[in-house]
Amino acid sequence: MEHKHCILHYGKMELTIETVTPVTAAKWLETNHSNRRLRNSNVAALTRDMLNLTFQEIPVAVCFFLDGSMSELANGQHRLSAIVKSGMRQDLLIARNCTREQINAMDIGVKRSITDLVNMLGLDYSKREASIARIIVYGPTDTSIRTISELTDALIQHEEAITFVTAGIPHSVGLNAPVLAVCARAWYSQDRERIHAFINVIKTGLNSGKGEQAAIVLRNWLLAHTHIRSRDAIILSYARTQTALQHFIDGHPITRIYGTDVELFPVPKDSVTRINRAQLTFT
């Protein structure tokens, strides 16, 4: 049973704050006839936040049309679906008696980027840093929708390592997020001077001997594949950077670079993960 905490009239709309149970959410979803397609990835992300107790109260209402004597759900299907899936009740802002014109007006505007959202929280992070943090925590193959709570946690948790690999490093060809994410992960267990030297060779193309050839080989491969922007390119860049960095740290000269599907640089509390071998094929 939901509990109404307050009632506010805004034009013909009635606004309330209500505790919505999984039973009530399921009942409301039965009236979901004209909403846009439900995105399961969004529901999964919100469900994780609810289960982790990081779900945020937001100033966006679950809305209902009033058509005749029947209320029809107009907005909020993802939050309601997450309540059902998580089995947890939530306090939500509810708006009833909405017109279709009012709901359509809600969906017009520029979507905020992850950088916009993080900066609104008072955290000074760039898009590149956010991308590095995501790869460090969730890996290069992850395509799930990640909530602002999950991404800010990743940024804060690995802030020192991310700062190490980005400080004084301009946006340049080759030094993309998957490459720097590998270096940031290695920061926890490897010689940091060697990691810094590896980054510098990729940035400048200059090396001091055969023991640093791995960085040159990787740099050449990255320069040859700058036109590729697919998920495969991210996975390959990450996999080959791992191999190159390990050879560079060990001082092993190489002339050809191959990726690895095993995580070579686990961060604290990390378990061994594997990259899909099927995505390590093109050269």
Protein backbone atom coordinates (compact mmCIF):
# COMPACT_ATOMS: atom_id res chain seq x y z
CA MET A 1 0.00 0.00 0.00
CA GLU A 2 1.37 3.41 -0.97
CA HIS A 3 1.39 6.35 1.44
CA LYS A 4 0.85 9.89 0.16
CA HIS A 5 3.18 12.30 1.91
CA CYS A 6 1.88 15.55 0.41
CA ILE A 7 -0.39 16.88 -2.29
CA LEU A 8 0.31 19.86 -4.55
CA HIS A 9 -1.87 21.14 -7.38
CA TYR A 10 0.00 22.54 -10.38
CA GLY A 11 -2.52 23.65 -12.97
CA LYS A 12 -4.78 20.63 -13.40
CA MET A 13 -2.04 18.24 -12.31
CA GLU A 14 -1.99 16.67 -8.84
CA LEU A 15 1.52 16.08 -7.48
CA THR A 16 2.19 13.72 -4.59
CA ILE A 17 5.10 11.92 -2.99
CA GLU A 18 4.15 8.29 -2.46
CA THR A 19 5.81 5.15 -1.14
CA VAL A 20 5.38 2.72 -4.04
CA THR A 21 5.50 -1.00 -3.31
CA PRO A 22 6.33 -3.74 -5.85
CA VAL A 23 2.66 -4.73 -5.88
CA THR A 24 1.52 -1.18 -6.66
CA ALA A 25 4.28 -0.74 -9.27
CA ALA A 26 3.17 -3.93 -11.05
CA LYS A 27 -0.45 -2.74 -11.02
CA TRP A 28 0.51 0.63 -12.51
CA LEU A 29 2.58 -1.04 -15.21
CA GLU A 30 -0.55 -2.83 -16.41
CA THR A 31 -1.78 0.58 -17.64
CA ASN A 32 1.43 1.19 -19.63
CA HIS A 33 -0.06 1.28 -23.14
CA SER A 34 1.52 4.22 -25.02
CA ASN A 35 5.01 4.58 -23.53
CA ARG A 36 8.18 4.17 -25.54
CA ARG A 37 9.92 0.79 -25.67
CA LEU A 38 11.08 -0.53 -22.29
CA ARG A 39 14.87 -0.72 -22.17
CA ASN A 40 15.91 -3.70 -20.07
CA SER A 41 19.43 -2.31 -19.62
CA ASN A 42 17.98 0.80 -17.95
CA VAL A 43 15.82 -1.35 -15.69
CA ALA A 44 18.85 -3.48 -14.74
CA ALA A 45 20.89 -0.37 -13.86
CA LEU A 46 18.13 1.10 -11.68
CA THR A 47 17.59 -2.29 -10.04
CA ARG A 48 21.29 -2.44 -9.10
CA ASP A 49 21.04 1.02 -7.53
CA MET A 50 17.99 -0.02 -5.52
CA LEU A 51 19.63 -3.21 -4.27
CA ASN A 52 22.83 -1.30 -3.46
CA LEU A 53 20.79 1.38 -1.64
CA THR A 54 22.16 4.08 -3.96
CA PHE A 55 18.91 4.81 -5.82
CA GLN A 56 18.41 8.57 -5.96
CA GLU A 57 15.20 10.51 -5.44
CA ILE A 58 14.89 12.68 -8.55
CA PRO A 59 12.67 15.69 -9.38
CA VAL A 60 11.06 13.83 -12.28
CA ALA A 61 7.62 12.38 -11.68
CA VAL A 62 6.02 9.09 -12.49
CA CYS A 63 3.19 10.49 -14.60
CA PHE A 64 -0.33 9.42 -15.46
CA PHE A 65 -2.69 10.59 -18.18
CA LEU A 66 -6.34 10.95 -17.29
CA ASP A 67 -8.41 9.54 -20.16
CA GLY A 68 -12.04 9.44 -19.12
CA SER A 69 -12.20 7.57 -15.81
CA MET A 70 -9.00 5.55 -16.34
CA SER A 71 -5.46 6.59 -15.44
CA GLU A 72 -2.81 5.50 -17.95
CA LEU A 73 0.92 5.43 -17.15
CA ALA A 74 2.70 8.15 -19.14
CA ASN A 75 6.22 8.23 -17.65
CA GLY A 76 8.30 6.22 -15.17
CA GLN A 77 8.05 2.68 -16.51
CA HIS A 78 11.76 1.99 -15.90
CA ARG A 79 11.65 3.01 -12.23
CA LEU A 80 8.46 1.04 -11.65
CA SER A 81 9.90 -2.03 -13.40
CA ALA A 82 13.02 -1.77 -11.22
CA ILE A 83 10.85 -1.65 -8.08
CA VAL A 84 9.14 -4.87 -9.20
CA LYS A 85 12.45 -6.54 -10.10
CA SER A 86 14.27 -5.49 -6.92
CA GLY A 87 11.32 -6.21 -4.63
CA MET A 88 12.01 -2.93 -2.80
CA ARG A 89 9.58 -0.09 -2.16
CA GLN A 90 10.64 3.46 -3.05
CA ASP A 91 9.40 6.98 -2.42
CA LEU A 92 8.54 8.53 -5.80
CA LEU A 93 7.17 11.82 -7.04
CA ILE A 94 3.81 11.14 -8.76
CA ALA A 95 1.95 13.43 -11.17
CA ARG A 96 -1.66 12.68 -12.14
CA ASN A 97 -4.04 14.32 -14.63
CA CYS A 98 -1.23 15.07 -17.12
CA THR A 99 -2.01 15.95 -20.72
CA ARG A 100 -0.24 14.32 -23.63
CA GLU A 101 1.15 17.71 -24.63
CA GLN A 102 2.78 18.07 -21.19
CA ILE A 103 4.40 14.63 -21.41
CA ASN A 104 5.68 15.30 -24.93
CA ALA A 105 7.26 18.55 -23.72
CA MET A 106 9.24 16.58 -21.08
CA ASP A 107 11.18 14.68 -23.74
CA ILE A 108 12.49 17.73 -25.62
CA GLY A 109 15.96 18.92 -24.67
CA VAL A 110 19.66 18.08 -24.72
CA LYS A 111 20.61 14.94 -22.83
CA ARG A 112 23.24 15.49 -20.13
CA SER A 113 26.52 13.67 -20.64
CA ILE A 114 28.24 11.71 -17.89
CA THR A 115 30.64 14.64 -17.51
CA ASP A 116 27.71 17.04 -17.05
CA LEU A 117 26.21 14.80 -14.37
CA VAL A 118 29.45 14.26 -12.50
CA ASN A 119 30.32 17.96 -12.57
CA MET A 120 26.87 18.80 -11.20
CA LEU A 121 27.85 16.75 -8.14
CA GLY A 122 30.84 19.02 -7.62
CA LEU A 123 33.37 16.51 -8.99
CA ASP A 124 35.86 17.80 -11.54
CA TYR A 125 36.27 14.96 -14.02
CA SER A 126 36.54 14.94 -17.81
CA LYS A 127 34.84 12.61 -20.27
CA ARG A 128 38.18 10.85 -20.82
CA GLU A 129 38.62 10.23 -17.08
CA ALA A 130 35.07 8.90 -16.82
CA SER A 131 35.72 6.52 -19.73
CA ILE A 132 38.96 5.29 -18.13
CA ALA A 133 37.20 4.68 -14.81
CA ARG A 134 34.44 2.70 -16.49
CA ILE A 135 36.93 0.42 -18.27
CA ILE A 136 39.01 -0.08 -15.11
CA VAL A 137 36.01 -1.30 -13.14
CA TYR A 138 33.78 -2.95 -15.74
CA GLY A 139 36.24 -3.94 -18.46
CA PRO A 140 36.46 -3.11 -22.19
CA THR A 141 33.64 -5.46 -23.18
CA ASP A 142 30.99 -3.92 -20.92
CA THR A 143 28.05 -2.35 -22.78
CA SER A 144 25.60 -2.17 -19.88
CA ILE A 145 23.87 1.06 -18.92
CA ARG A 146 25.72 2.36 -15.87
CA THR A 147 24.07 4.67 -13.36
CA ILE A 148 25.61 7.89 -12.13
CA SER A 149 26.21 6.23 -8.74
CA GLU A 150 28.19 3.40 -10.30
CA LEU A 151 30.29 5.72 -12.45
CA THR A 152 31.07 8.23 -9.71
CA ASP A 153 32.05 5.36 -7.41
CA ALA A 154 34.45 4.10 -10.10
CA LEU A 155 35.94 7.57 -10.55
CA ILE A 156 36.44 8.17 -6.85
CA GLN A 157 37.77 4.67 -6.16
CA HIS A 158 40.49 4.92 -8.81
CA GLU A 159 41.08 8.68 -8.80
CA GLU A 160 44.77 8.46 -7.89
CA ALA A 161 45.58 5.92 -10.61
CA ILE A 162 43.59 7.87 -13.22
CA THR A 163 45.32 11.12 -12.28
CA PHE A 164 48.70 9.38 -12.62
CA VAL A 165 48.06 8.29 -16.22
CA THR A 166 46.37 11.52 -17.38
CA ALA A 167 48.32 14.28 -15.57
CA GLY A 168 50.16 16.36 -18.16
CA ILE A 169 49.13 13.94 -20.91
CA PRO A 170 47.28 15.75 -23.72
CA HIS A 171 44.56 14.16 -25.80
CA SER A 172 46.66 12.62 -28.54
CA VAL A 173 46.45 9.80 -31.02
CA GLY A 174 47.09 6.47 -29.31
CA LEU A 175 46.51 7.60 -25.73
CA ASN A 176 42.84 6.69 -25.68
CA ALA A 177 40.74 5.44 -22.77
CA PRO A 178 41.44 1.66 -23.13
CA VAL A 179 45.20 2.26 -23.35
CA LEU A 180 45.23 4.52 -20.30
CA ALA A 181 42.87 2.19 -18.40
CA VAL A 182 45.42 -0.63 -18.72
CA CYS A 183 48.15 1.70 -17.46
CA ALA A 184 45.94 2.80 -14.55
CA ARG A 185 45.28 -0.82 -13.56
CA ALA A 186 49.01 -1.60 -13.75
CA TRP A 187 49.66 1.37 -11.42
CA TYR A 188 48.51 -0.77 -8.49
CA SER A 189 51.13 -3.50 -8.91
CA GLN A 190 53.86 -2.49 -11.38
CA ASP A 191 56.84 -0.14 -11.49
CA ARG A 192 55.27 3.28 -11.91
CA GLU A 193 58.34 4.82 -13.51
CA ARG A 194 58.16 2.17 -16.24
CA ILE A 195 54.45 2.84 -16.72
CA HIS A 196 55.16 6.56 -17.08
CA ALA A 197 57.94 5.81 -19.58
CA PHE A 198 55.57 3.56 -21.56
CA ILE A 199 52.99 6.35 -21.81
CA ASN A 200 55.68 8.82 -22.84
CA VAL A 201 56.94 6.59 -25.66
CA ILE A 202 53.41 6.23 -27.03
CA LYS A 203 52.97 10.01 -26.80
CA THR A 204 56.25 10.97 -28.46
CA GLY A 205 57.33 7.96 -30.52
CA LEU A 206 60.79 8.19 -28.93
CA ASN A 207 62.40 5.29 -27.08
CA SER A 208 65.76 4.58 -25.52
CA GLY A 209 66.42 1.06 -26.74
CA LYS A 210 65.18 -2.40 -27.79
CA GLY A 211 63.68 -2.99 -24.35
CA GLU A 212 61.14 -0.27 -25.10
CA GLN A 213 60.28 -1.51 -28.58
CA ALA A 214 56.96 -2.92 -27.36
CA ALA A 215 55.59 0.61 -26.87
CA ILE A 216 56.64 1.59 -30.42
CA VAL A 217 55.01 -1.52 -31.90
CA LEU A 218 51.79 -0.75 -30.02
CA ARG A 219 51.96 2.93 -31.01
CA ASN A 220 52.27 1.99 -34.69
CA TRP A 221 49.27 -0.34 -34.42
CA LEU A 222 47.20 2.33 -32.67
CA LEU A 223 48.09 4.93 -35.31
CA ALA A 224 47.09 2.51 -38.06
CA HIS A 225 43.67 1.92 -36.48
CA THR A 226 42.64 5.44 -35.50
CA HIS A 227 39.73 5.26 -37.98
CA ILE A 228 38.05 2.42 -36.07
CA ARG A 229 35.56 3.52 -33.40
CA SER A 230 33.73 0.26 -32.74
CA ARG A 231 33.50 -1.78 -29.55
CA ASP A 232 35.92 -4.25 -31.17
CA ALA A 233 38.52 -1.49 -31.43
CA ILE A 234 38.22 -0.74 -27.71
CA ILE A 235 38.61 -4.43 -26.84
CA LEU A 236 41.60 -4.87 -29.16
CA SER A 237 43.31 -1.70 -27.94
CA TYR A 238 42.92 -2.88 -24.36
CA ALA A 239 44.11 -6.44 -25.07
CA ARG A 240 47.17 -5.36 -27.04
CA THR A 241 48.08 -2.65 -24.56
CA GLN A 242 48.19 -5.28 -21.83
CA THR A 243 50.67 -7.39 -23.78
CA ALA A 244 52.76 -4.42 -24.85
CA LEU A 245 52.96 -2.97 -21.34
CA GLN A 246 53.98 -6.32 -19.84
CA HIS A 247 56.79 -6.73 -22.45
CA PHE A 248 57.84 -3.11 -21.88
CA ILE A 249 58.04 -3.54 -18.11
CA ASP A 250 59.98 -6.79 -18.52
CA GLY A 251 62.30 -5.23 -21.14
CA HIS A 252 61.50 -7.84 -23.80
CA PRO A 253 62.00 -6.60 -27.40
CA ILE A 254 59.21 -7.55 -29.82
CA THR A 255 58.40 -6.85 -33.46
CA ARG A 256 54.72 -7.85 -33.50
CA ILE A 257 52.02 -7.34 -30.91
CA TYR A 258 49.29 -9.81 -29.96
CA GLY A 259 46.49 -9.26 -27.48
CA THR A 260 45.65 -11.44 -24.51
CA ASP A 261 42.25 -12.47 -23.23
CA VAL A 262 43.50 -12.73 -19.63
CA GLU A 263 43.56 -9.72 -17.31
CA LEU A 264 47.27 -9.14 -16.65
CA PHE A 265 46.95 -6.26 -14.19
CA PRO A 266 44.24 -7.00 -11.61
CA VAL A 267 43.41 -4.20 -9.22
CA PRO A 268 42.86 -4.86 -5.49
CA LYS A 269 39.99 -7.30 -4.87
CA ASP A 270 39.87 -8.04 -8.60
CA SER A 271 39.17 -11.54 -9.81
CA VAL A 272 40.69 -12.89 -13.03
CA THR A 273 38.54 -11.87 -15.99
CA ARG A 274 38.70 -12.92 -19.60
CA ILE A 275 38.06 -11.05 -22.82
CA ASN A 276 35.99 -12.75 -25.50
CA ARG A 277 38.51 -14.45 -27.83
CA ALA A 278 36.09 -14.05 -30.73
CA GLN A 279 36.65 -10.30 -30.50
CA LEU A 280 40.45 -10.53 -30.82
CA THR A 281 40.65 -11.42 -34.49
CA PHE A 282 41.16 -8.48 -36.83
CA THR A 283 44.69 -7.09 -37.42
